[in-house]
Amino acid sequence: MGDVQADSATATARLKALFAWGCHGGVRMGGGTVSALAAGAVDAATGTAVAVVKAASGP
């Protein structure tokens, strides 16, 4: 059970990092706060979709 919790914590940290990276990119593009948050959300959603596809495809 500990491995599942560790994997979940790692996935959460990576998702937060993707969101932060997207927000930072949005700010650098000069789109404002809403655009930065949207960019962060798109990056997080893309990362989640990639992880789901990888998990579904198996080892």
PDB file of N, CA and C in Angstrom:
ATOM      1  N   MET A   1       0.820  -1.198   0.000  1.00  0.00           N
ATOM      2  CA  MET A   1       0.000   0.000   0.000  1.00  0.00           C
ATOM      3  C   MET A   1       0.860   1.256   0.000  1.00  0.00           C
ATOM      4  N   GLY A   2       2.042   1.190   0.601  1.00  0.00           N
ATOM      5  CA  GLY A   2       2.924   2.346   0.648  1.00  0.00           C
ATOM      6  C   GLY A   2       3.402   2.765  -0.723  1.00  0.00           C
ATOM      7  N   ASP A   3       3.620   1.780  -1.605  1.00  0.00           N
ATOM      8  CA  ASP A   3       4.070   2.099  -2.960  1.00  0.00           C
ATOM      9  C   ASP A   3       3.016   2.886  -3.725  1.00  0.00           C
ATOM     10  N   VAL A   4       1.746   2.537  -3.509  1.00  0.00           N
ATOM     11  CA  VAL A   4       0.662   3.244  -4.186  1.00  0.00           C
ATOM     12  C   VAL A   4       0.606   4.694  -3.707  1.00  0.00           C
ATOM     13  N   GLN A   5       0.783   4.890  -2.417  1.00  0.00           N
ATOM     14  CA  GLN A   5       0.760   6.249  -1.877  1.00  0.00           C
ATOM     15  C   GLN A   5       1.952   7.054  -2.389  1.00  0.00           C
ATOM     16  N   ALA A   6       3.108   6.420  -2.474  1.00  0.00           N
ATOM     17  CA  ALA A   6       4.296   7.106  -2.978  1.00  0.00           C
ATOM     18  C   ALA A   6       4.115   7.458  -4.453  1.00  0.00           C
ATOM     19  N   ASP A   7       3.568   6.529  -5.230  1.00  0.00           N
ATOM     20  CA  ASP A   7       3.316   6.799  -6.645  1.00  0.00           C
ATOM     21  C   ASP A   7       2.312   7.927  -6.814  1.00  0.00           C
ATOM     22  N   SER A   8       1.296   7.934  -5.964  1.00  0.00           N
ATOM     23  CA  SER A   8       0.279   8.984  -6.027  1.00  0.00           C
ATOM     24  C   SER A   8       0.883  10.345  -5.682  1.00  0.00           C
ATOM     25  N   ALA A   9       1.733  10.365  -4.671  1.00  0.00           N
ATOM     26  CA  ALA A   9       2.377  11.620  -4.279  1.00  0.00           C
ATOM     27  C   ALA A   9       3.304  12.119  -5.382  1.00  0.00           C
ATOM     28  N   THR A  10       4.010  11.208  -6.024  1.00  0.00           N
ATOM     29  CA  THR A  10       4.897  11.584  -7.125  1.00  0.00           C
ATOM     30  C   THR A  10       4.091  12.129  -8.293  1.00  0.00           C
ATOM     31  N   ALA A  11       3.003  11.461  -8.625  1.00  0.00           N
ATOM     32  CA  ALA A  11       2.153  11.919  -9.725  1.00  0.00           C
ATOM     33  C   ALA A  11       1.571  13.291  -9.424  1.00  0.00           C
ATOM     34  N   THR A  12       1.159  13.512  -8.193  1.00  0.00           N
ATOM     35  CA  THR A  12       0.604  14.809  -7.803  1.00  0.00           C
ATOM     36  C   THR A  12       1.654  15.905  -7.933  1.00  0.00           C
ATOM     37  N   ALA A  13       2.864  15.616  -7.482  1.00  0.00           N
ATOM     38  CA  ALA A  13       3.944  16.606  -7.570  1.00  0.00           C
ATOM     39  C   ALA A  13       4.265  16.933  -9.026  1.00  0.00           C
ATOM     40  N   ARG A  14       4.271  15.915  -9.874  1.00  0.00           N
ATOM     41  CA  ARG A  14       4.556  16.154 -11.294  1.00  0.00           C
ATOM     42  C   ARG A  14       3.441  16.942 -11.957  1.00  0.00           C
ATOM     43  N   LEU A  15       2.203  16.662 -11.571  1.00  0.00           N
ATOM     44  CA  LEU A  15       1.070  17.395 -12.130  1.00  0.00           C
ATOM     45  C   LEU A  15       1.135  18.868 -11.723  1.00  0.00           C
ATOM     46  N   LYS A  16       1.477  19.118 -10.463  1.00  0.00           N
ATOM     47  CA  LYS A  16       1.629  20.497 -10.005  1.00  0.00           C
ATOM     48  C   LYS A  16       2.748  21.210 -10.753  1.00  0.00           C
ATOM     49  N   ALA A  17       3.840  20.486 -11.014  1.00  0.00           N
ATOM     50  CA  ALA A  17       4.957  21.077 -11.751  1.00  0.00           C
ATOM     51  C   ALA A  17       4.549  21.414 -13.179  1.00  0.00           C
ATOM     52  N   LEU A  18       3.774  20.536 -13.824  1.00  0.00           N
ATOM     53  CA  LEU A  18       3.290  20.828 -15.179  1.00  0.00           C
ATOM     54  C   LEU A  18       2.397  22.064 -15.183  1.00  0.00           C
ATOM     55  N   PHE A  19       1.520  22.153 -14.194  1.00  0.00           N
ATOM     56  CA  PHE A  19       0.639  23.309 -14.099  1.00  0.00           C
ATOM     57  C   PHE A  19       1.453  24.593 -13.913  1.00  0.00           C
ATOM     58  N   ALA A  20       2.430  24.543 -13.012  1.00  0.00           N
ATOM     59  CA  ALA A  20       3.267  25.722 -12.755  1.00  0.00           C
ATOM     60  C   ALA A  20       4.053  26.112 -13.998  1.00  0.00           C
ATOM     61  N   TRP A  21       4.564  25.115 -14.717  1.00  0.00           N
ATOM     62  CA  TRP A  21       5.321  25.385 -15.941  1.00  0.00           C
ATOM     63  C   TRP A  21       4.422  26.051 -16.977  1.00  0.00           C
ATOM     64  N   GLY A  22       3.202  25.564 -17.112  1.00  0.00           N
ATOM     65  CA  GLY A  22       2.257  26.168 -18.045  1.00  0.00           C
ATOM     66  C   GLY A  22       1.895  27.592 -17.662  1.00  0.00           C
ATOM     67  N   CYS A  23       1.694  27.819 -16.379  1.00  0.00           N
ATOM     68  CA  CYS A  23       1.389  29.176 -15.910  1.00  0.00           C
ATOM     69  C   CYS A  23       2.559  30.115 -16.181  1.00  0.00           C
ATOM     70  N   HIS A  24       3.743  29.639 -15.918  1.00  0.00           N
ATOM     71  CA  HIS A  24       4.934  30.464 -16.159  1.00  0.00           C
ATOM     72  C   HIS A  24       5.044  30.803 -17.648  1.00  0.00           C
ATOM     73  N   GLY A  25       4.810  29.828 -18.492  1.00  0.00           N
ATOM     74  CA  GLY A  25       4.837  30.074 -19.932  1.00  0.00           C
ATOM     75  C   GLY A  25       3.770  31.065 -20.352  1.00  0.00           C
ATOM     76  N   GLY A  26       2.587  30.957 -19.765  1.00  0.00           N
ATOM     77  CA  GLY A  26       1.508  31.892 -20.070  1.00  0.00           C
ATOM     78  C   GLY A  26       1.844  33.318 -19.664  1.00  0.00           C
ATOM     79  N   VAL A  27       2.481  33.465 -18.528  1.00  0.00           N
ATOM     80  CA  VAL A  27       2.892  34.793 -18.066  1.00  0.00           C
ATOM     81  C   VAL A  27       3.960  35.367 -18.994  1.00  0.00           C
ATOM     82  N   ARG A  28       4.902  34.534 -19.402  1.00  0.00           N
ATOM     83  CA  ARG A  28       5.980  35.002 -20.283  1.00  0.00           C
ATOM     84  C   ARG A  28       5.464  35.406 -21.656  1.00  0.00           C
ATOM     85  N   MET A  29       4.355  34.781 -22.090  1.00  0.00           N
ATOM     86  CA  MET A  29       3.780  35.162 -23.382  1.00  0.00           C
ATOM     87  C   MET A  29       3.023  36.480 -23.284  1.00  0.00           C
ATOM     88  N   GLY A  30       2.789  36.957 -22.065  1.00  0.00           N
ATOM     89  CA  GLY A  30       2.144  38.250 -21.877  1.00  0.00           C
ATOM     90  C   GLY A  30       0.635  38.215 -21.998  1.00  0.00           C
ATOM     91  N   GLY A  31       0.045  37.060 -21.799  1.00  0.00           N
ATOM     92  CA  GLY A  31      -1.400  36.941 -21.964  1.00  0.00           C
ATOM     93  C   GLY A  31      -2.214  37.332 -20.753  1.00  0.00           C
ATOM     94  N   GLY A  32      -1.595  37.579 -19.632  1.00  0.00           N
ATOM     95  CA  GLY A  32      -2.318  37.931 -18.421  1.00  0.00           C
ATOM     96  C   GLY A  32      -2.608  36.712 -17.560  1.00  0.00           C
ATOM     97  N   THR A  33      -3.266  36.957 -16.456  1.00  0.00           N
ATOM     98  CA  THR A  33      -3.514  35.919 -15.473  1.00  0.00           C
ATOM     99  C   THR A  33      -4.420  34.817 -16.000  1.00  0.00           C
ATOM    100  N   VAL A  34      -5.490  35.180 -16.657  1.00  0.00           N
ATOM    101  CA  VAL A  34      -6.440  34.173 -17.148  1.00  0.00           C
ATOM    102  C   VAL A  34      -5.786  33.277 -18.189  1.00  0.00           C
ATOM    103  N   SER A  35      -5.036  33.864 -19.089  1.00  0.00           N
ATOM    104  CA  SER A  35      -4.345  33.080 -20.108  1.00  0.00           C
ATOM    105  C   SER A  35      -3.293  32.166 -19.483  1.00  0.00           C
ATOM    106  N   ALA A  36      -2.601  32.666 -18.469  1.00  0.00           N
ATOM    107  CA  ALA A  36      -1.594  31.854 -17.795  1.00  0.00           C
ATOM    108  C   ALA A  36      -2.249  30.663 -17.098  1.00  0.00           C
ATOM    109  N   LEU A  37      -3.366  30.893 -16.436  1.00  0.00           N
ATOM    110  CA  LEU A  37      -4.064  29.788 -15.767  1.00  0.00           C
ATOM    111  C   LEU A  37      -4.601  28.786 -16.782  1.00  0.00           C
ATOM    112  N   ALA A  38      -5.076  29.279 -17.905  1.00  0.00           N
ATOM    113  CA  ALA A  38      -5.568  28.382 -18.956  1.00  0.00           C
ATOM    114  C   ALA A  38      -4.424  27.537 -19.514  1.00  0.00           C
ATOM    115  N   ALA A  39      -3.280  28.161 -19.736  1.00  0.00           N
ATOM    116  CA  ALA A  39      -2.121  27.420 -20.235  1.00  0.00           C
ATOM    117  C   ALA A  39      -1.685  26.361 -19.234  1.00  0.00           C
ATOM    118  N   GLY A  40      -1.715  26.696 -17.956  1.00  0.00           N
ATOM    119  CA  GLY A  40      -1.376  25.719 -16.915  1.00  0.00           C
ATOM    120  C   GLY A  40      -2.358  24.562 -16.898  1.00  0.00           C
ATOM    121  N   ALA A  41      -3.629  24.866 -17.046  1.00  0.00           N
ATOM    122  CA  ALA A  41      -4.647  23.811 -17.054  1.00  0.00           C
ATOM    123  C   ALA A  41      -4.491  22.899 -18.262  1.00  0.00           C
ATOM    124  N   VAL A  42      -4.183  23.485 -19.420  1.00  0.00           N
ATOM    125  CA  VAL A  42      -3.977  22.676 -20.631  1.00  0.00           C
ATOM    126  C   VAL A  42      -2.761  21.776 -20.465  1.00  0.00           C
ATOM    127  N   ASP A  43      -1.676  22.297 -19.919  1.00  0.00           N
ATOM    128  CA  ASP A  43      -0.486  21.474 -19.702  1.00  0.00           C
ATOM    129  C   ASP A  43      -0.772  20.339 -18.720  1.00  0.00           C
ATOM    130  N   ALA A  44      -1.488  20.631 -17.649  1.00  0.00           N
ATOM    131  CA  ALA A  44      -1.821  19.594 -16.668  1.00  0.00           C
ATOM    132  C   ALA A  44      -2.738  18.537 -17.281  1.00  0.00           C
ATOM    133  N   ALA A  45      -3.702  18.961 -18.081  1.00  0.00           N
ATOM    134  CA  ALA A  45      -4.611  18.009 -18.721  1.00  0.00           C
ATOM    135  C   ALA A  45      -3.867  17.135 -19.722  1.00  0.00           C
ATOM    136  N   THR A  46      -2.953  17.730 -20.469  1.00  0.00           N
ATOM    137  CA  THR A  46      -2.162  16.963 -21.431  1.00  0.00           C
ATOM    138  C   THR A  46      -1.293  15.936 -20.712  1.00  0.00           C
ATOM    139  N   GLY A  47      -0.666  16.348 -19.633  1.00  0.00           N
ATOM    140  CA  GLY A  47       0.154  15.420 -18.851  1.00  0.00           C
ATOM    141  C   GLY A  47      -0.659  14.283 -18.277  1.00  0.00           C
ATOM    142  N   THR A  48      -1.855  14.584 -17.811  1.00  0.00           N
ATOM    143  CA  THR A  48      -2.739  13.546 -17.272  1.00  0.00           C
ATOM    144  C   THR A  48      -3.151  12.574 -18.367  1.00  0.00           C
ATOM    145  N   ALA A  49      -3.481  13.094 -19.534  1.00  0.00           N
ATOM    146  CA  ALA A  49      -3.880  12.229 -20.652  1.00  0.00           C
ATOM    147  C   ALA A  49      -2.736  11.309 -21.064  1.00  0.00           C
ATOM    148  N   VAL A  50      -1.531  11.820 -21.107  1.00  0.00           N
ATOM    149  CA  VAL A  50      -0.362  10.997 -21.454  1.00  0.00           C
ATOM    150  C   VAL A  50      -0.171   9.903 -20.417  1.00  0.00           C
ATOM    151  N   ALA A  51      -0.295  10.239 -19.135  1.00  0.00           N
ATOM    152  CA  ALA A  51      -0.128   9.242 -18.081  1.00  0.00           C
ATOM    153  C   ALA A  51      -1.193   8.157 -18.156  1.00  0.00           C
ATOM    154  N   VAL A  52      -2.414   8.542 -18.467  1.00  0.00           N
ATOM    155  CA  VAL A  52      -3.495   7.552 -18.575  1.00  0.00           C
ATOM    156  C   VAL A  52      -3.250   6.607 -19.746  1.00  0.00           C
ATOM    157  N   VAL A  53      -2.810   7.145 -20.865  1.00  0.00           N
ATOM    158  CA  VAL A  53      -2.521   6.298 -22.030  1.00  0.00           C
ATOM    159  C   VAL A  53      -1.356   5.347 -21.719  1.00  0.00           C
ATOM    160  N   LYS A  54      -0.339   5.847 -21.075  1.00  0.00           N
ATOM    161  CA  LYS A  54       0.798   4.997 -20.716  1.00  0.00           C
ATOM    162  C   LYS A  54       0.378   3.886 -19.759  1.00  0.00           C
ATOM    163  N   ALA A  55      -0.461   4.229 -18.780  1.00  0.00           N
ATOM    164  CA  ALA A  55      -0.924   3.231 -17.821  1.00  0.00           C
ATOM    165  C   ALA A  55      -1.829   2.185 -18.486  1.00  0.00           C
ATOM    166  N   ALA A  56      -2.633   2.633 -19.428  1.00  0.00           N
ATOM    167  CA  ALA A  56      -3.540   1.708 -20.104  1.00  0.00           C
ATOM    168  C   ALA A  56      -2.817   0.773 -21.056  1.00  0.00           C
ATOM    169  N   SER A  57      -1.679   1.212 -21.593  1.00  0.00           N
ATOM    170  CA  SER A  57      -0.960   0.387 -22.556  1.00  0.00           C
ATOM    171  C   SER A  57      -0.183  -0.739 -21.884  1.00  0.00           C
ATOM    172  N   GLY A  58       0.024  -0.637 -20.578  1.00  0.00           N
ATOM    173  CA  GLY A  58       0.730  -1.699 -19.849  1.00  0.00           C
ATOM    174  C   GLY A  58       2.230  -1.527 -19.906  1.00  0.00           C
ATOM    175  N   PRO A  59       2.929  -2.548 -19.390  1.00  0.00           N
ATOM    176  CA  PRO A  59       4.404  -2.457 -19.308  1.00  0.00           C
ATOM    177  C   PRO A  59       5.104  -2.524 -20.628  1.00  0.00           C
TER     178      PRO A  59
END
